[in-house]
Amino acid sequence: MGLFDKKQCSICGNDIGLLGNRKLSDGNLCKNCAAKLSPWFSDRRSSTVEQIRQQLAYREQNERNLASFNPTRVIDGMTKIYFDEAQKKFIVTRTTNWRSSNPDLISTSQVQAVELDISEDKDEVYKDTENKVSYDPPKYEYEYTFNIHLAINSPYFDEIDFELRDTRRSEGKDDETYVTLMNRAYEIQHLLKPELYPEKKYEPEKTETETAEEKKDETLTDGQWKCSCGHVNAAEANFCSACGSPKPLRWFCPECGKENTGKFCIACGHAIPEEYAKKITR
């Protein structure tokens, strides 16, 4: 047979057009049949005609199974993950009309590992962009890509790789963009392997200022009070020296003895008595 002789698809029997052949280890596959295979399948060249027939049968059954798949949670992004928490099944897809694309329906019991790798792209921000004059200290913008790798126990594919990405630039790991992506990654890990990844939220590292303020709270001496603006004032101060706010009212409940600052006791709900109001200290 010549190089340009027509070939027939070993699956459907149709003629394969020029440049349309997808080689198998013992046959040929047309592009229409190849399009029906799992998007996560990557071992076509070493697969036999019989193995491809088996996978296409699985894909037909998968399409029927999707009819009873009812997502209860969606993690959105360029790649979407739909979870049916009742059936403990999920799909990973880049298409919005996912039922028509026949994504693989996977049980969480098939997931062997959920690995997370974070890549960082950093660019300096200049106060004079044209002359590239830096801030002091320098400022940077970041773009983070969260790469998710799923190890899957399936006869047709053993891994799924996708990205969680936000095209907005971030100011660092305490920025809303980074926090959102990290919490999406945590949610995926927990939903797929709850026995390995307990439910949790990402907490950004505290800044030096926040840490210093916490230390101030820990070292307040008797009588000192902290204003709502964060400033610590001396015991004798009736107004905040930083913002001018009055010192919070303090009174002791005559019923339970609890110290309070509002109009009602936080321990027993007793209202501040009119005659006891004279004992309020500022």
Protein backbone atom coordinates (compact mmCIF):
# COMPACT_ATOMS: atom_id res chain seq x y z
CA MET A 1 0.00 0.00 0.00
CA GLY A 2 1.23 3.50 -0.82
CA LEU A 3 1.89 6.22 1.69
CA PHE A 4 -1.18 8.17 0.61
CA ASP A 5 -3.56 5.22 0.19
CA LYS A 6 -6.82 5.64 2.06
CA LYS A 7 -7.04 3.95 5.44
CA GLN A 8 -10.12 2.74 7.27
CA CYS A 9 -10.87 3.36 10.94
CA SER A 10 -10.49 0.11 12.85
CA ILE A 11 -13.42 1.12 15.09
CA CYS A 12 -16.16 2.49 12.82
CA GLY A 13 -14.85 1.31 9.44
CA ASN A 14 -15.12 4.74 7.80
CA ASP A 15 -12.44 6.05 5.45
CA ILE A 16 -9.85 8.24 7.10
CA GLY A 17 -9.03 11.45 5.29
CA LEU A 18 -5.60 12.87 4.64
CA LEU A 19 -3.83 13.75 7.94
CA GLY A 20 -6.84 12.39 9.82
CA ASN A 21 -5.34 9.12 11.02
CA ARG A 22 -4.66 8.49 14.71
CA LYS A 23 -2.34 5.51 14.91
CA LEU A 24 -2.98 2.61 17.29
CA SER A 25 -0.53 -0.17 18.10
CA ASP A 26 -2.38 -2.55 15.77
CA GLY A 27 -4.70 -0.36 13.74
CA ASN A 28 -6.01 3.07 12.83
CA LEU A 29 -8.42 5.50 14.43
CA CYS A 30 -10.36 8.32 12.77
CA LYS A 31 -10.58 11.75 14.38
CA ASN A 32 -14.32 11.33 15.07
CA CYS A 33 -13.77 8.18 17.13
CA ALA A 34 -10.70 9.71 18.79
CA ALA A 35 -12.81 12.69 19.91
CA LYS A 36 -15.02 10.31 21.93
CA LEU A 37 -12.12 9.15 24.12
CA SER A 38 -11.52 10.56 27.58
CA PRO A 39 -9.84 13.99 27.51
CA TRP A 40 -7.47 12.68 30.19
CA PHE A 41 -6.42 9.65 28.11
CA SER A 42 -2.87 9.99 26.73
CA ASP A 43 -1.75 6.47 25.80
CA ARG A 44 -3.40 6.07 22.40
CA ARG A 45 -0.35 5.06 20.34
CA SER A 46 0.39 2.04 22.52
CA SER A 47 -3.27 1.00 22.80
CA THR A 48 -4.78 -1.85 20.82
CA VAL A 49 -7.99 -1.70 18.81
CA GLU A 50 -9.68 -3.86 21.46
CA GLN A 51 -8.59 -1.53 24.28
CA ILE A 52 -10.02 1.44 22.39
CA ARG A 53 -13.31 -0.44 21.87
CA GLN A 54 -13.47 -1.09 25.62
CA GLN A 55 -12.84 2.56 26.42
CA LEU A 56 -15.50 3.76 23.98
CA ALA A 57 -17.97 1.37 25.63
CA TYR A 58 -17.01 2.88 29.00
CA ARG A 59 -17.48 6.38 27.58
CA GLU A 60 -20.98 5.51 26.37
CA GLN A 61 -21.86 4.21 29.82
CA ASN A 62 -20.30 7.32 31.36
CA GLU A 63 -22.61 9.51 29.29
CA ARG A 64 -25.62 7.57 30.57
CA ASN A 65 -24.38 7.84 34.18
CA LEU A 66 -24.11 11.62 33.87
CA ALA A 67 -27.91 11.78 33.65
CA SER A 68 -28.12 11.04 37.39
CA PHE A 69 -25.19 13.29 38.34
CA ASN A 70 -26.51 16.26 40.37
CA PRO A 71 -23.78 18.71 41.42
CA THR A 72 -24.25 20.25 44.85
CA ARG A 73 -21.03 22.26 44.87
CA VAL A 74 -19.02 23.97 42.14
CA ILE A 75 -15.51 25.35 42.35
CA ASP A 76 -15.37 27.86 39.54
CA GLY A 77 -12.48 29.07 37.45
CA MET A 78 -10.91 28.45 34.04
CA THR A 79 -11.26 24.78 34.96
CA LYS A 80 -14.46 23.93 36.83
CA ILE A 81 -14.99 21.12 39.30
CA TYR A 82 -18.51 19.90 39.97
CA PHE A 83 -19.20 17.77 43.06
CA ASP A 84 -22.16 15.54 43.76
CA GLU A 85 -21.67 15.22 47.52
CA ALA A 86 -24.48 12.68 47.93
CA GLN A 87 -22.95 10.24 45.43
CA LYS A 88 -19.36 11.28 46.26
CA LYS A 89 -18.61 11.80 42.60
CA PHE A 90 -17.15 14.68 40.61
CA ILE A 91 -16.17 15.90 37.15
CA VAL A 92 -13.37 18.20 36.01
CA THR A 93 -14.13 20.21 32.88
CA ARG A 94 -13.29 23.41 31.01
CA THR A 95 -16.68 23.61 29.30
CA THR A 96 -19.78 25.32 30.64
CA ASN A 97 -22.23 22.96 28.90
CA TRP A 98 -20.59 19.97 30.53
CA ARG A 99 -23.32 17.39 29.90
CA SER A 100 -22.82 17.64 26.13
CA SER A 101 -19.03 17.20 26.45
CA ASN A 102 -19.31 13.91 28.38
CA PRO A 103 -16.68 14.58 31.09
CA ASP A 104 -15.43 11.56 33.00
CA LEU A 105 -17.54 10.88 36.09
CA ILE A 106 -15.12 9.94 38.84
CA SER A 107 -15.75 8.56 42.32
CA THR A 108 -13.83 10.14 45.18
CA SER A 109 -12.77 6.61 46.15
CA GLN A 110 -10.72 6.53 42.93
CA VAL A 111 -8.63 9.51 44.06
CA GLN A 112 -5.28 8.40 45.41
CA ALA A 113 -3.59 11.78 45.91
CA VAL A 114 -4.32 15.50 45.61
CA GLU A 115 -1.06 17.39 45.16
CA LEU A 116 -0.76 21.17 45.13
CA ASP A 117 2.07 23.14 43.57
CA ILE A 118 2.07 26.96 43.62
CA SER A 119 4.05 28.96 41.07
CA GLU A 120 4.74 32.68 41.53
CA ASP A 121 5.37 35.36 38.92
CA LYS A 122 6.68 38.60 40.46
CA ASP A 123 7.03 42.02 38.79
CA GLU A 124 8.26 45.22 40.42
CA VAL A 125 5.90 48.20 40.57
CA TYR A 126 7.57 51.56 39.94
CA LYS A 127 6.47 54.98 41.16
CA ASP A 128 7.89 56.36 37.89
CA THR A 129 7.18 53.69 35.29
CA GLU A 130 8.84 55.46 32.37
CA ASN A 131 12.16 55.88 34.19
CA LYS A 132 11.75 52.77 36.35
CA VAL A 133 12.13 54.62 39.63
CA SER A 134 11.56 52.18 42.50
CA TYR A 135 9.67 52.70 45.70
CA ASP A 136 11.62 52.57 48.94
CA PRO A 137 11.28 49.80 49.94
CA PRO A 138 10.47 48.24 46.52
CA LYS A 139 6.88 47.22 45.75
CA TYR A 140 5.87 44.15 43.78
CA GLU A 141 2.84 42.66 42.09
CA TYR A 142 2.37 38.90 41.93
CA GLU A 143 0.49 36.43 39.83
CA TYR A 144 -0.04 33.01 41.35
CA THR A 145 -0.95 29.78 39.60
CA PHE A 146 -2.16 26.88 41.71
CA ASN A 147 -1.39 23.62 39.92
CA ILE A 148 -3.56 20.70 41.06
CA HIS A 149 -2.45 17.13 40.34
CA LEU A 150 -4.89 14.29 40.95
CA ALA A 151 -3.66 10.70 40.96
CA ILE A 152 -6.60 8.60 39.77
CA ASN A 153 -7.21 4.86 39.85
CA SER A 154 -8.77 4.27 36.43
CA PRO A 155 -8.04 1.78 33.62
CA TYR A 156 -8.02 4.61 31.06
CA PHE A 157 -6.02 7.39 32.75
CA ASP A 158 -4.04 7.75 35.96
CA GLU A 159 -3.76 11.50 36.42
CA ILE A 160 -5.62 14.76 35.97
CA ASP A 161 -3.73 18.05 35.96
CA PHE A 162 -5.35 21.47 35.93
CA GLU A 163 -4.78 25.02 37.14
CA LEU A 164 -6.55 27.33 39.53
CA ARG A 165 -5.77 30.79 38.22
CA ASP A 166 -6.88 34.36 38.77
CA THR A 167 -5.75 36.87 36.17
CA ARG A 168 -5.88 39.71 38.68
CA ARG A 169 -2.53 40.78 40.03
CA SER A 170 -1.91 40.27 43.74
CA GLU A 171 0.09 42.22 46.29
CA GLY A 172 1.25 39.09 48.09
CA LYS A 173 0.13 36.12 50.10
CA ASP A 174 -2.15 38.19 52.33
CA ASP A 175 -3.99 39.62 49.31
CA GLU A 176 -7.62 38.65 48.60
CA THR A 177 -6.68 37.03 45.27
CA TYR A 178 -4.16 34.67 46.87
CA VAL A 179 -6.46 33.90 49.80
CA THR A 180 -9.32 33.01 47.42
CA LEU A 181 -7.16 30.64 45.36
CA MET A 182 -5.70 28.97 48.44
CA ASN A 183 -9.13 28.37 49.92
CA ARG A 184 -10.32 26.87 46.62
CA ALA A 185 -7.36 24.48 46.72
CA TYR A 186 -8.11 23.56 50.35
CA GLU A 187 -11.76 22.94 49.45
CA ILE A 188 -10.79 20.62 46.58
CA GLN A 189 -8.42 18.64 48.79
CA HIS A 190 -11.03 18.24 51.52
CA LEU A 191 -13.85 17.22 49.17
CA LEU A 192 -11.70 14.63 47.37
CA LYS A 193 -9.73 13.20 50.31
CA PRO A 194 -11.36 14.30 53.60
CA GLU A 195 -9.46 11.62 55.53
CA LEU A 196 -6.17 13.29 54.56
CA TYR A 197 -7.23 16.93 54.34
CA PRO A 198 -9.52 18.23 57.11
CA GLU A 199 -11.67 21.23 56.30
CA LYS A 200 -9.80 24.47 56.93
CA LYS A 201 -9.42 28.09 55.84
CA TYR A 202 -6.24 29.84 54.82
CA GLU A 203 -5.09 32.44 57.34
CA PRO A 204 -2.66 35.03 55.95
CA GLU A 205 0.49 35.64 57.95
CA LYS A 206 0.14 38.63 60.25
CA THR A 207 2.00 41.78 59.35
CA GLU A 208 4.62 43.23 61.71
CA THR A 209 2.13 45.94 62.70
CA GLU A 210 -0.59 43.41 63.56
CA THR A 211 1.87 41.31 65.55
CA ALA A 212 3.05 44.38 67.46
CA GLU A 213 -0.54 45.33 68.30
CA GLU A 214 -1.22 41.82 69.63
CA LYS A 215 1.84 42.05 71.81
CA LYS A 216 0.58 45.37 73.16
CA ASP A 217 -2.69 43.64 74.11
CA GLU A 218 -0.76 40.97 75.95
CA THR A 219 1.30 43.48 77.93
CA LEU A 220 -1.42 45.96 78.98
CA THR A 221 -0.89 47.01 82.57
CA ASP A 222 -3.71 47.45 85.08
CA GLY A 223 -5.97 50.28 84.07
CA GLN A 224 -4.65 50.73 80.55
CA TRP A 225 -7.29 50.55 77.85
CA LYS A 226 -7.21 49.98 74.12
CA CYS A 227 -9.29 52.21 71.88
CA SER A 228 -11.24 50.88 68.89
CA CYS A 229 -8.62 52.54 66.69
CA GLY A 230 -6.00 50.24 68.20
CA HIS A 231 -4.16 52.80 70.31
CA VAL A 232 -3.35 51.92 73.93
CA ASN A 233 -4.07 54.67 76.46
CA ALA A 234 -3.09 55.29 80.07
CA ALA A 235 -5.51 54.38 82.85
CA GLU A 236 -6.24 58.02 83.73
CA ALA A 237 -7.01 59.03 80.12
CA ASN A 238 -10.72 59.64 79.51
CA PHE A 239 -10.22 60.13 75.78
CA CYS A 240 -7.99 58.38 73.26
CA SER A 241 -4.85 60.42 72.59
CA ALA A 242 -4.73 59.12 69.02
CA CYS A 243 -8.29 59.67 67.75
CA GLY A 244 -10.17 61.45 70.54
CA SER A 245 -12.74 58.72 71.15
CA PRO A 246 -14.07 58.54 74.73
CA LYS A 247 -12.96 55.78 77.04
CA PRO A 248 -15.55 52.94 77.05
CA LEU A 249 -18.03 53.08 79.94
CA ARG A 250 -17.44 50.40 82.56
CA TRP A 251 -19.83 49.24 85.27
CA PHE A 252 -20.27 46.18 87.43
CA CYS A 253 -23.56 44.30 87.37
CA PRO A 254 -25.28 44.33 90.80
CA GLU A 255 -26.78 40.91 90.04
CA CYS A 256 -23.74 38.85 89.01
CA GLY A 257 -20.79 41.22 89.43
CA LYS A 258 -19.75 40.99 85.76
CA GLU A 259 -17.81 43.98 84.36
CA ASN A 260 -19.64 45.59 81.42
CA THR A 261 -19.34 48.46 78.96
CA GLY A 262 -22.83 48.49 77.45
CA LYS A 263 -26.34 49.14 78.72
CA PHE A 264 -26.99 45.49 79.61
CA CYS A 265 -24.93 42.89 81.42
CA ILE A 266 -23.27 40.48 78.97
CA ALA A 267 -23.48 37.66 81.56
CA CYS A 268 -27.05 37.82 82.83
CA GLY A 269 -28.77 40.49 80.71
CA HIS A 270 -29.54 42.78 83.68
CA ALA A 271 -30.01 46.43 82.68
CA ILE A 272 -27.81 49.00 84.30
CA PRO A 273 -29.76 50.43 87.31
CA GLU A 274 -30.21 54.17 87.39
CA GLU A 275 -28.86 54.43 90.93
CA TYR A 276 -25.86 52.26 89.98
CA ALA A 277 -25.01 54.51 87.01
CA LYS A 278 -23.22 56.84 89.46
CA LYS A 279 -20.60 54.15 89.94
CA ILE A 280 -19.66 54.09 86.24
CA THR A 281 -15.99 54.89 85.76
CA ARG A 282 -14.49 56.44 82.67
